[in-house]
Structure formats: structure tokens, C-alpha cells
Amino acid sequence: MVLKNQWGGQKQQLFLLLLHNMSRIGKFKRKGSILPDPLFSNKLLARFVNRVMRDGKKSTAQNGVYQALDIIKKKNLDPIQTFQQAVQNVSPRFEVRPRRVGGASYQVPTEVRGERKISLAIRWLISSANKRSNREYHTFAEKLAAEFLDAYNNTGEAIKKRDVVHRMAEANRAFAHFRW
């Protein structure tokens, strides 16, 4: 009896406060912005290094990415310009998202916004670089440099992934009216 009356009239207010702070209500607030990387002063490159990083070993990730940029520099190309163009080429314009309507699930094509576009491009570049064979490319830096150059030239595994996503969105264009 004492436990029921302990909260008094505040029980409903506490419930509404908890409900208001649930993740599905309202917009997601991004944490503080990341600092640009120390060598090139580029925020996009810092994001890429953070994504390459495993087990908190940032210096190892930086070394791999910087070695890849050095390989690109040896081919008489601007490394930062090549990297940024590669990310821009890989980033998708449309994607499909599942939407439940009347008990059926439809793949509804939607436009990809800025942050997610870059995030997908970075993820696809890293995964396609990891898939490259160790026999042909001996280090991760060589794989990454090759993937950057392929994406810069609109070829390679990451570009294929973007094209598959675009084809899926195009094929499901009939369900675009379910977008709201």
C-alpha cells in the first residue's frame, strides 16, 4: 500500500517524462562535431579514419589511410581531391526503405539525405577495400588506394554497390506514393 502511494500524483508525470525521452520521439541530436584530421585538416578524412579504426587504435587507422593517400600522390594526383571525389561518386542519391502498409511490407524508394549519404559511401568504400584479394594487394593501404582510384574513375566494387541500390530504387518506383 505504501509503495502505490509513494509517487502520489507524480506517477503519471514521471511516465510522460520517460515516454518523452524515448528514442522514437523527436529528432536525434548529434553529439559534438569531430575535429579535422591533423595532417590534412579535413573533417571528411577524420570521419573516414574514425570509421577505419578498430579496437580504438586510431594511430594505426591513420597510418593506413595516410599511406593510401601517399600511394595516390605517387600517381601524380591530388590525394585529398581524389578522396573527396571518390566519396562523392560512391554516395547514393536514392535508396529503398521498408514501409508496412495494411499488413504488407513495401520497399519504398526515398531520397538519401546528406549525413547518411556520406556515411553509406564511407562504409561501402571500406568494405569493398577489405574484400580485395591479399595476393594482389599486400597491405590495407594498397587496397584502400586502389578502391579510391576506382571510385574516382567511377568503377570498382563500391560503385557497383551504389548502382545496385539505385536499380532497386528504380525498380520499386511504383511504390513511391507510400512515402510520407
N, C-alpha and C. Protein backbone atom coordinates (compact mmCIF):
# COMPACT_ATOMS: atom_id res chain seq x y z
N MET A 1 0.83 -1.19 0.00
CA MET A 1 0.00 0.00 0.00
C MET A 1 0.87 1.25 0.00
N VAL A 2 1.94 1.21 0.75
CA VAL A 2 2.81 2.37 0.84
C VAL A 2 3.51 2.61 -0.50
N LEU A 3 3.88 1.52 -1.19
CA LEU A 3 4.58 1.67 -2.47
C LEU A 3 3.68 2.31 -3.53
N LYS A 4 2.40 1.99 -3.51
CA LYS A 4 1.49 2.57 -4.51
C LYS A 4 1.34 4.07 -4.30
N ASN A 5 1.28 4.50 -3.09
CA ASN A 5 1.06 5.91 -2.81
C ASN A 5 2.36 6.71 -2.69
N GLN A 6 3.49 6.04 -2.83
CA GLN A 6 4.77 6.74 -2.67
C GLN A 6 4.94 7.84 -3.70
N TRP A 7 4.53 7.58 -4.95
CA TRP A 7 4.69 8.57 -6.01
C TRP A 7 3.59 9.62 -5.98
N GLY A 8 2.48 9.29 -5.39
CA GLY A 8 1.38 10.25 -5.31
C GLY A 8 0.86 10.58 -6.69
N GLY A 9 0.66 11.87 -6.97
CA GLY A 9 0.15 12.31 -8.27
C GLY A 9 1.25 12.44 -9.30
N GLN A 10 2.48 12.18 -8.92
CA GLN A 10 3.60 12.34 -9.84
C GLN A 10 3.82 11.13 -10.73
N LYS A 11 3.08 10.05 -10.50
CA LYS A 11 3.28 8.83 -11.26
C LYS A 11 3.04 9.06 -12.76
N GLN A 12 1.97 9.75 -13.09
CA GLN A 12 1.66 10.00 -14.48
C GLN A 12 2.67 10.96 -15.10
N GLN A 13 3.12 11.96 -14.35
CA GLN A 13 4.11 12.89 -14.87
C GLN A 13 5.43 12.19 -15.14
N LEU A 14 5.82 11.26 -14.26
CA LEU A 14 7.05 10.51 -14.45
C LEU A 14 6.96 9.64 -15.70
N PHE A 15 5.80 9.00 -15.88
CA PHE A 15 5.59 8.16 -17.06
C PHE A 15 5.69 8.99 -18.34
N LEU A 16 5.06 10.16 -18.36
CA LEU A 16 5.12 11.02 -19.54
C LEU A 16 6.53 11.52 -19.80
N LEU A 17 7.28 11.79 -18.73
CA LEU A 17 8.66 12.22 -18.88
C LEU A 17 9.50 11.11 -19.50
N LEU A 18 9.32 9.88 -19.02
CA LEU A 18 10.04 8.75 -19.59
C LEU A 18 9.63 8.51 -21.04
N LEU A 19 8.36 8.62 -21.32
CA LEU A 19 7.86 8.42 -22.67
C LEU A 19 8.42 9.48 -23.61
N HIS A 20 8.54 10.70 -23.13
CA HIS A 20 9.05 11.78 -23.96
C HIS A 20 10.52 11.57 -24.32
N ASN A 21 11.28 10.93 -23.45
CA ASN A 21 12.70 10.75 -23.70
C ASN A 21 13.02 9.46 -24.45
N MET A 22 12.02 8.75 -24.93
CA MET A 22 12.28 7.53 -25.69
C MET A 22 12.85 7.89 -27.05
N SER A 23 13.56 6.97 -27.65
CA SER A 23 14.32 7.26 -28.86
C SER A 23 13.46 7.55 -30.08
N ARG A 24 12.25 7.03 -30.15
CA ARG A 24 11.45 7.20 -31.35
C ARG A 24 10.71 8.53 -31.40
N ILE A 25 10.76 9.28 -30.35
CA ILE A 25 10.04 10.54 -30.31
C ILE A 25 11.03 11.69 -30.50
N GLY A 26 10.74 12.57 -31.42
CA GLY A 26 11.60 13.73 -31.64
C GLY A 26 12.77 13.41 -32.54
N LYS A 27 13.59 14.40 -32.75
CA LYS A 27 14.75 14.28 -33.62
C LYS A 27 15.97 13.83 -32.82
N PHE A 28 16.86 13.15 -33.50
CA PHE A 28 18.11 12.70 -32.89
C PHE A 28 19.10 13.86 -32.89
N LYS A 29 19.69 14.14 -31.74
CA LYS A 29 20.68 15.20 -31.65
C LYS A 29 22.06 14.61 -31.81
N ARG A 30 22.82 15.11 -32.79
CA ARG A 30 24.18 14.61 -32.99
C ARG A 30 25.07 15.10 -31.86
N LYS A 31 26.03 14.25 -31.52
CA LYS A 31 26.99 14.64 -30.50
C LYS A 31 27.90 15.72 -31.07
N GLY A 32 28.85 16.17 -30.30
CA GLY A 32 29.74 17.24 -30.74
C GLY A 32 30.44 16.91 -32.05
N SER A 33 30.76 17.93 -32.81
CA SER A 33 31.38 17.72 -34.11
C SER A 33 32.80 17.18 -33.94
N ILE A 34 33.24 16.39 -34.92
CA ILE A 34 34.57 15.82 -34.83
C ILE A 34 35.60 16.84 -35.32
N LEU A 35 36.79 16.72 -34.79
CA LEU A 35 37.87 17.62 -35.17
C LEU A 35 38.47 17.18 -36.50
N PRO A 36 38.95 18.12 -37.32
CA PRO A 36 39.59 17.73 -38.58
C PRO A 36 40.87 16.94 -38.31
N ASP A 37 41.27 16.11 -39.29
CA ASP A 37 42.45 15.29 -39.06
C ASP A 37 43.70 16.16 -39.01
N PRO A 38 44.73 15.73 -38.28
CA PRO A 38 45.89 16.60 -38.04
C PRO A 38 46.76 16.87 -39.26
N LEU A 39 46.80 15.96 -40.22
CA LEU A 39 47.73 16.12 -41.34
C LEU A 39 47.16 17.00 -42.45
N PHE A 40 45.90 16.77 -42.82
CA PHE A 40 45.30 17.49 -43.95
C PHE A 40 44.24 18.50 -43.53
N SER A 41 43.88 18.56 -42.25
CA SER A 41 42.84 19.45 -41.73
C SER A 41 41.52 19.28 -42.48
N ASN A 42 41.10 18.03 -42.65
CA ASN A 42 39.90 17.71 -43.39
C ASN A 42 38.97 16.90 -42.49
N LYS A 43 37.73 17.38 -42.31
CA LYS A 43 36.78 16.69 -41.44
C LYS A 43 36.29 15.38 -42.05
N LEU A 44 36.09 15.36 -43.36
CA LEU A 44 35.65 14.14 -44.02
C LEU A 44 36.69 13.03 -43.86
N LEU A 45 37.94 13.39 -43.98
CA LEU A 45 39.03 12.42 -43.81
C LEU A 45 39.08 11.93 -42.36
N ALA A 46 38.80 12.82 -41.41
CA ALA A 46 38.77 12.42 -40.00
C ALA A 46 37.63 11.43 -39.76
N ARG A 47 36.49 11.66 -40.37
CA ARG A 47 35.38 10.72 -40.27
C ARG A 47 35.74 9.37 -40.85
N PHE A 48 36.45 9.41 -41.97
CA PHE A 48 36.86 8.17 -42.63
C PHE A 48 37.83 7.39 -41.74
N VAL A 49 38.79 8.09 -41.15
CA VAL A 49 39.76 7.44 -40.26
C VAL A 49 39.05 6.83 -39.06
N ASN A 50 38.09 7.55 -38.48
CA ASN A 50 37.34 7.02 -37.35
C ASN A 50 36.56 5.76 -37.73
N ARG A 51 36.12 5.69 -38.96
CA ARG A 51 35.36 4.52 -39.42
C ARG A 51 36.30 3.34 -39.69
N VAL A 52 37.52 3.61 -40.14
CA VAL A 52 38.51 2.56 -40.40
C VAL A 52 39.02 1.98 -39.09
N MET A 53 39.04 2.81 -38.05
CA MET A 53 39.62 2.43 -36.76
C MET A 53 38.96 1.20 -36.17
N ARG A 54 39.80 0.29 -35.64
CA ARG A 54 39.32 -0.91 -34.95
C ARG A 54 39.95 -0.98 -33.58
N ASP A 55 39.16 -1.38 -32.61
CA ASP A 55 39.63 -1.57 -31.23
C ASP A 55 40.27 -0.31 -30.65
N GLY A 56 39.85 0.87 -31.10
CA GLY A 56 40.35 2.12 -30.55
C GLY A 56 41.76 2.49 -30.99
N LYS A 57 42.30 1.80 -31.99
CA LYS A 57 43.67 2.08 -32.45
C LYS A 57 43.63 3.11 -33.57
N LYS A 58 43.54 4.36 -33.18
CA LYS A 58 43.39 5.44 -34.15
C LYS A 58 44.67 5.67 -34.94
N SER A 59 45.82 5.59 -34.29
CA SER A 59 47.08 5.85 -34.99
C SER A 59 47.32 4.80 -36.08
N THR A 60 46.92 3.56 -35.84
CA THR A 60 47.05 2.51 -36.86
C THR A 60 46.15 2.82 -38.04
N ALA A 61 44.94 3.25 -37.76
CA ALA A 61 44.00 3.61 -38.83
C ALA A 61 44.52 4.81 -39.62
N GLN A 62 45.04 5.81 -38.91
CA GLN A 62 45.59 6.98 -39.60
C GLN A 62 46.75 6.59 -40.50
N ASN A 63 47.63 5.71 -40.00
CA ASN A 63 48.78 5.29 -40.81
C ASN A 63 48.31 4.61 -42.10
N GLY A 64 47.31 3.74 -41.99
CA GLY A 64 46.82 3.05 -43.19
C GLY A 64 46.21 4.01 -44.20
N VAL A 65 45.40 4.94 -43.72
CA VAL A 65 44.74 5.89 -44.63
C VAL A 65 45.77 6.84 -45.24
N TYR A 66 46.72 7.31 -44.43
CA TYR A 66 47.74 8.23 -44.95
C TYR A 66 48.66 7.54 -45.95
N GLN A 67 48.95 6.27 -45.73
CA GLN A 67 49.76 5.53 -46.70
C GLN A 67 49.00 5.39 -48.02
N ALA A 68 47.71 5.16 -47.93
CA ALA A 68 46.89 5.08 -49.15
C ALA A 68 46.91 6.41 -49.90
N LEU A 69 46.83 7.51 -49.16
CA LEU A 69 46.89 8.83 -49.81
C LEU A 69 48.27 9.10 -50.41
N ASP A 70 49.32 8.57 -49.78
CA ASP A 70 50.67 8.71 -50.35
C ASP A 70 50.79 7.93 -51.66
N ILE A 71 50.17 6.75 -51.72
CA ILE A 71 50.19 5.96 -52.95
C ILE A 71 49.50 6.72 -54.08
N ILE A 72 48.40 7.40 -53.75
CA ILE A 72 47.69 8.20 -54.75
C ILE A 72 48.55 9.39 -55.18
N LYS A 73 49.27 9.98 -54.22
CA LYS A 73 50.14 11.12 -54.53
C LYS A 73 51.26 10.73 -55.48
N LYS A 74 51.75 9.49 -55.34
CA LYS A 74 52.83 9.00 -56.22
C LYS A 74 52.34 8.83 -57.66
N LYS A 75 51.04 8.74 -57.85
CA LYS A 75 50.47 8.62 -59.20
C LYS A 75 50.13 9.98 -59.77
N ASN A 76 50.71 11.03 -59.20
CA ASN A 76 50.56 12.42 -59.66
C ASN A 76 49.10 12.91 -59.63
N LEU A 77 48.39 12.53 -58.58
CA LEU A 77 47.03 13.03 -58.36
C LEU A 77 46.99 13.70 -56.99
N ASP A 78 46.11 14.69 -56.85
CA ASP A 78 45.93 15.33 -55.57
C ASP A 78 45.18 14.36 -54.65
N PRO A 79 45.79 13.92 -53.53
CA PRO A 79 45.16 12.87 -52.72
C PRO A 79 43.83 13.28 -52.09
N ILE A 80 43.74 14.50 -51.56
CA ILE A 80 42.51 14.94 -50.91
C ILE A 80 41.40 15.13 -51.94
N GLN A 81 41.73 15.71 -53.06
CA GLN A 81 40.74 15.90 -54.13
C GLN A 81 40.24 14.55 -54.63
N THR A 82 41.15 13.59 -54.81
CA THR A 82 40.77 12.24 -55.26
C THR A 82 39.88 11.57 -54.23
N PHE A 83 40.24 11.68 -52.95
CA PHE A 83 39.44 11.07 -51.88
C PHE A 83 38.04 11.66 -51.84
N GLN A 84 37.94 12.98 -51.87
CA GLN A 84 36.63 13.63 -51.80
C GLN A 84 35.77 13.29 -53.02
N GLN A 85 36.38 13.24 -54.19
CA GLN A 85 35.63 12.90 -55.40
C GLN A 85 35.18 11.44 -55.35
N ALA A 86 36.02 10.56 -54.79
CA ALA A 86 35.65 9.15 -54.66
C ALA A 86 34.44 8.99 -53.74
N VAL A 87 34.45 9.69 -52.61
CA VAL A 87 33.32 9.61 -51.67
C VAL A 87 32.07 10.18 -52.33
N GLN A 88 32.22 11.25 -53.07
CA GLN A 88 31.07 11.86 -53.74
C GLN A 88 30.52 10.94 -54.83
N ASN A 89 31.40 10.26 -55.56
CA ASN A 89 30.94 9.35 -56.62
C ASN A 89 30.21 8.13 -56.04
N VAL A 90 30.65 7.65 -54.89
CA VAL A 90 30.06 6.45 -54.30
C VAL A 90 28.75 6.76 -53.58
N SER A 91 28.57 7.97 -53.10
CA SER A 91 27.38 8.29 -52.29
C SER A 91 26.10 8.16 -53.12
N PRO A 92 25.11 7.43 -52.58
CA PRO A 92 23.87 7.19 -53.33
C PRO A 92 22.91 8.37 -53.26
N ARG A 93 22.09 8.49 -54.30
CA ARG A 93 21.06 9.53 -54.30
C ARG A 93 19.74 9.00 -53.77
N PHE A 94 19.42 7.72 -54.07
CA PHE A 94 18.18 7.10 -53.64
C PHE A 94 18.47 5.76 -52.99
N GLU A 95 17.58 5.35 -52.11
CA GLU A 95 17.63 4.02 -51.51
C GLU A 95 16.21 3.56 -51.25
N VAL A 96 16.05 2.27 -50.95
CA VAL A 96 14.73 1.75 -50.61
C VAL A 96 14.66 1.52 -49.11
N ARG A 97 13.50 1.86 -48.53
CA ARG A 97 13.27 1.64 -47.11
C ARG A 97 11.95 0.89 -46.97
N PRO A 98 11.91 -0.11 -46.10
CA PRO A 98 10.67 -0.87 -45.95
C PRO A 98 9.59 -0.06 -45.24
N ARG A 99 8.36 -0.16 -45.73
CA ARG A 99 7.23 0.54 -45.13
C ARG A 99 6.07 -0.44 -45.05
N ARG A 100 5.51 -0.59 -43.85
CA ARG A 100 4.39 -1.51 -43.68
C ARG A 100 3.08 -0.76 -43.92
N VAL A 101 2.32 -1.25 -44.88
CA VAL A 101 1.03 -0.66 -45.20
C VAL A 101 0.01 -1.77 -45.31
N GLY A 102 -0.98 -1.78 -44.43
CA GLY A 102 -2.06 -2.75 -44.49
C GLY A 102 -1.62 -4.19 -44.40
N GLY A 103 -0.65 -4.48 -43.57
CA GLY A 103 -0.20 -5.85 -43.38
C GLY A 103 0.84 -6.30 -44.38
N ALA A 104 1.10 -5.53 -45.40
CA ALA A 104 2.13 -5.88 -46.39
C ALA A 104 3.30 -4.93 -46.25
N SER A 105 4.49 -5.43 -46.54
CA SER A 105 5.71 -4.62 -46.46
C SER A 105 6.14 -4.22 -47.87
N TYR A 106 6.30 -2.94 -48.11
CA TYR A 106 6.70 -2.45 -49.42
C TYR A 106 8.08 -1.81 -49.32
N GLN A 107 8.87 -1.99 -50.38
CA GLN A 107 10.17 -1.32 -50.47
C GLN A 107 9.93 0.03 -51.15
N VAL A 108 9.95 1.09 -50.36
CA VAL A 108 9.61 2.42 -50.87
C VAL A 108 10.90 3.20 -51.16
N PRO A 109 11.07 3.67 -52.39
CA PRO A 109 12.27 4.46 -52.69
C PRO A 109 12.21 5.84 -52.04
N THR A 110 13.30 6.22 -51.38
CA THR A 110 13.38 7.53 -50.75
C THR A 110 14.71 8.17 -51.10
N GLU A 111 14.73 9.48 -51.04
CA GLU A 111 15.96 10.22 -51.29
C GLU A 111 16.85 10.13 -50.06
N VAL A 112 18.17 9.99 -50.28
CA VAL A 112 19.12 9.88 -49.17
C VAL A 112 19.60 11.28 -48.82
N ARG A 113 19.51 11.63 -47.53
CA ARG A 113 19.94 12.95 -47.06
C ARG A 113 21.46 12.99 -46.86
N GLY A 114 21.98 14.16 -46.56
CA GLY A 114 23.42 14.43 -46.55
C GLY A 114 24.27 13.54 -45.67
N GLU A 115 23.98 13.47 -44.37
CA GLU A 115 24.82 12.72 -43.44
C GLU A 115 24.81 11.24 -43.77
N ARG A 116 23.64 10.69 -44.04
CA ARG A 116 23.53 9.26 -44.35
C ARG A 116 24.22 8.93 -45.66
N LYS A 117 24.13 9.85 -46.62
CA LYS A 117 24.78 9.66 -47.91
C LYS A 117 26.28 9.45 -47.75
N ILE A 118 26.89 10.32 -46.96
CA ILE A 118 28.34 10.24 -46.72
C ILE A 118 28.68 8.99 -45.92
N SER A 119 27.84 8.69 -44.93
CA SER A 119 28.08 7.52 -44.09
C SER A 119 28.03 6.23 -44.90
N LEU A 120 27.06 6.11 -45.79
CA LEU A 120 26.98 4.92 -46.64
C LEU A 120 28.18 4.83 -47.58
N ALA A 121 28.59 5.96 -48.14
CA ALA A 121 29.73 5.96 -49.06
C ALA A 121 30.99 5.49 -48.35
N ILE A 122 31.23 6.00 -47.15
CA ILE A 122 32.41 5.61 -46.38
C ILE A 122 32.37 4.12 -46.07
N ARG A 123 31.20 3.64 -45.63
CA ARG A 123 31.04 2.23 -45.28
C ARG A 123 31.31 1.33 -46.50
N TRP A 124 30.77 1.71 -47.65
CA TRP A 124 30.95 0.89 -48.85
C TRP A 124 32.39 0.91 -49.33
N LEU A 125 33.07 2.06 -49.24
CA LEU A 125 34.47 2.13 -49.64
C LEU A 125 35.34 1.21 -48.78
N ILE A 126 35.12 1.23 -47.48
CA ILE A 126 35.94 0.41 -46.57
C ILE A 126 35.66 -1.07 -46.79
N SER A 127 34.38 -1.43 -46.91
CA SER A 127 34.06 -2.86 -47.07
C SER A 127 34.57 -3.39 -48.40
N SER A 128 34.47 -2.61 -49.47
CA SER A 128 34.97 -3.08 -50.76
C SER A 128 36.49 -3.12 -50.79
N ALA A 129 37.15 -2.24 -50.04
CA ALA A 129 38.62 -2.31 -49.95
C ALA A 129 39.03 -3.57 -49.19
N ASN A 130 38.29 -3.91 -48.15
CA ASN A 130 38.60 -5.12 -47.38
C ASN A 130 38.40 -6.39 -48.20
N LYS A 131 37.48 -6.37 -49.16
CA LYS A 131 37.19 -7.55 -49.97
C LYS A 131 38.26 -7.83 -51.03
N ARG A 132 39.10 -6.85 -51.31
CA ARG A 132 40.13 -7.06 -52.34
C ARG A 132 41.10 -8.15 -51.92
N SER A 133 41.66 -8.84 -52.91
CA SER A 133 42.49 -10.01 -52.61
C SER A 133 43.84 -9.61 -52.03
N ASN A 134 44.30 -10.44 -51.08
CA ASN A 134 45.61 -10.19 -50.46
C ASN A 134 46.74 -10.57 -51.38
N ARG A 135 46.47 -11.40 -52.36
CA ARG A 135 47.51 -11.82 -53.29
C ARG A 135 47.92 -10.67 -54.19
N GLU A 136 46.94 -9.87 -54.60
CA GLU A 136 47.24 -8.74 -55.49
C GLU A 136 47.67 -7.50 -54.71
N TYR A 137 46.98 -7.23 -53.62
CA TYR A 137 47.29 -6.05 -52.79
C TYR A 137 47.75 -6.56 -51.43
N HIS A 138 48.97 -6.26 -51.04
CA HIS A 138 49.55 -6.86 -49.84
C HIS A 138 49.17 -6.15 -48.55
N THR A 139 48.87 -4.85 -48.60
CA THR A 139 48.53 -4.12 -47.39
C THR A 139 47.16 -3.47 -47.55
N PHE A 140 46.58 -3.10 -46.41
CA PHE A 140 45.29 -2.42 -46.44
C PHE A 140 45.40 -1.08 -47.15
N ALA A 141 46.54 -0.41 -47.01
CA ALA A 141 46.76 0.88 -47.66
C ALA A 141 46.69 0.74 -49.19
N GLU A 142 47.28 -0.35 -49.72
CA GLU A 142 47.23 -0.57 -51.16
C GLU A 142 45.80 -0.84 -51.63
N LYS A 143 45.07 -1.63 -50.84
CA LYS A 143 43.67 -1.92 -51.16
C LYS A 143 42.84 -0.64 -51.16
N LEU A 144 43.06 0.19 -50.14
CA LEU A 144 42.31 1.43 -50.00
C LEU A 144 42.62 2.40 -51.13
N ALA A 145 43.90 2.51 -51.47
CA ALA A 145 44.29 3.40 -52.58
C ALA A 145 43.67 2.93 -53.89
N ALA A 146 43.68 1.63 -54.13
CA ALA A 146 43.09 1.10 -55.35
C ALA A 146 41.59 1.37 -55.39
N GLU A 147 40.93 1.23 -54.24
CA GLU A 147 39.49 1.48 -54.19
C GLU A 147 39.18 2.97 -54.40
N PHE A 148 40.01 3.85 -53.82
CA PHE A 148 39.83 5.30 -54.04
C PHE A 148 39.96 5.63 -55.52
N LEU A 149 40.99 5.07 -56.17
CA LEU A 149 41.21 5.37 -57.59
C LEU A 149 40.08 4.81 -58.45
N ASP A 150 39.60 3.60 -58.10
CA ASP A 150 38.48 3.04 -58.86
C ASP A 150 37.21 3.89 -58.68
N ALA A 151 36.94 4.30 -57.45
CA ALA A 151 35.76 5.12 -57.20
C ALA A 151 35.90 6.49 -57.86
N TYR A 152 37.12 7.01 -57.89
CA TYR A 152 37.39 8.29 -58.56
C TYR A 152 37.07 8.20 -60.05
N ASN A 153 37.34 7.00 -60.63
CA ASN A 153 37.10 6.77 -62.06
C ASN A 153 35.74 6.14 -62.33
N ASN A 154 34.85 6.10 -61.33
CA ASN A 154 33.51 5.52 -61.45
C ASN A 154 33.52 4.06 -61.86
N THR A 155 34.45 3.30 -61.28
CA THR A 155 34.49 1.86 -61.45
C THR A 155 34.69 1.25 -60.06
N GLY A 156 34.74 -0.07 -59.98
CA GLY A 156 35.06 -0.71 -58.70
C GLY A 156 33.84 -1.22 -57.98
N GLU A 157 34.10 -1.92 -56.87
CA GLU A 157 33.07 -2.61 -56.10
C GLU A 157 32.10 -1.64 -55.42
N ALA A 158 32.60 -0.53 -54.88
CA ALA A 158 31.73 0.42 -54.18
C ALA A 158 30.76 1.09 -55.14
N ILE A 159 31.21 1.37 -56.35
CA ILE A 159 30.33 1.96 -57.37
C ILE A 159 29.27 0.95 -57.79
N LYS A 160 29.64 -0.33 -57.87
CA LYS A 160 28.66 -1.37 -58.18
C LYS A 160 27.59 -1.44 -57.10
N LYS A 161 28.00 -1.30 -55.85
CA LYS A 161 27.05 -1.33 -54.73
C LYS A 161 26.06 -0.16 -54.85
N ARG A 162 26.59 1.01 -55.17
CA ARG A 162 25.72 2.18 -55.35
C ARG A 162 24.74 1.96 -56.50
N ASP A 163 25.23 1.36 -57.59
CA ASP A 163 24.36 1.11 -58.74
C ASP A 163 23.26 0.10 -58.41
N VAL A 164 23.59 -0.92 -57.60
CA VAL A 164 22.58 -1.90 -57.19
C VAL A 164 21.48 -1.22 -56.37
N VAL A 165 21.89 -0.33 -55.46
CA VAL A 165 20.91 0.39 -54.64
C VAL A 165 20.03 1.29 -55.52
N HIS A 166 20.63 1.94 -56.50
CA HIS A 166 19.86 2.80 -57.41
C HIS A 166 18.90 1.98 -58.26
N ARG A 167 19.35 0.80 -58.72
CA ARG A 167 18.47 -0.06 -59.52
C ARG A 167 17.28 -0.56 -58.70
N MET A 168 17.53 -0.89 -57.42
CA MET A 168 16.43 -1.32 -56.56
C MET A 168 15.42 -0.19 -56.37
N ALA A 169 15.92 1.02 -56.19
CA ALA A 169 15.02 2.17 -56.03
C ALA A 169 14.22 2.42 -57.30
N GLU A 170 14.88 2.25 -58.44
CA GLU A 170 14.20 2.45 -59.73
C GLU A 170 13.14 1.37 -59.96
N ALA A 171 13.45 0.14 -59.58
CA ALA A 171 12.51 -0.97 -59.78
C ALA A 171 11.28 -0.83 -58.90
N ASN A 172 11.44 -0.22 -57.73
CA ASN A 172 10.32 -0.07 -56.80
C ASN A 172 9.68 1.31 -56.87
N ARG A 173 9.87 1.99 -57.97
CA ARG A 173 9.34 3.34 -58.12
C ARG A 173 7.81 3.36 -58.07
N ALA A 174 7.18 2.23 -58.37
CA ALA A 174 5.72 2.15 -58.33
C ALA A 174 5.18 2.35 -56.92
N PHE A 175 6.00 2.10 -55.90
CA PHE A 175 5.56 2.24 -54.52
C PHE A 175 5.95 3.59 -53.91
N ALA A 176 6.37 4.53 -54.75
CA ALA A 176 6.82 5.83 -54.25
C ALA A 176 5.68 6.60 -53.59
N HIS A 177 4.44 6.28 -53.94
CA HIS A 177 3.31 7.02 -53.35
C HIS A 177 3.09 6.64 -51.88
N PHE A 178 3.75 5.58 -51.39
CA PHE A 178 3.64 5.22 -49.97
C PHE A 178 4.56 6.07 -49.09
N ARG A 179 5.41 6.87 -49.72
CA ARG A 179 6.31 7.73 -48.95
C ARG A 179 5.52 8.88 -48.35
N TRP A 180 5.72 9.14 -47.08
CA TRP A 180 5.06 10.28 -46.42
C TRP A 180 5.91 10.91 -45.39
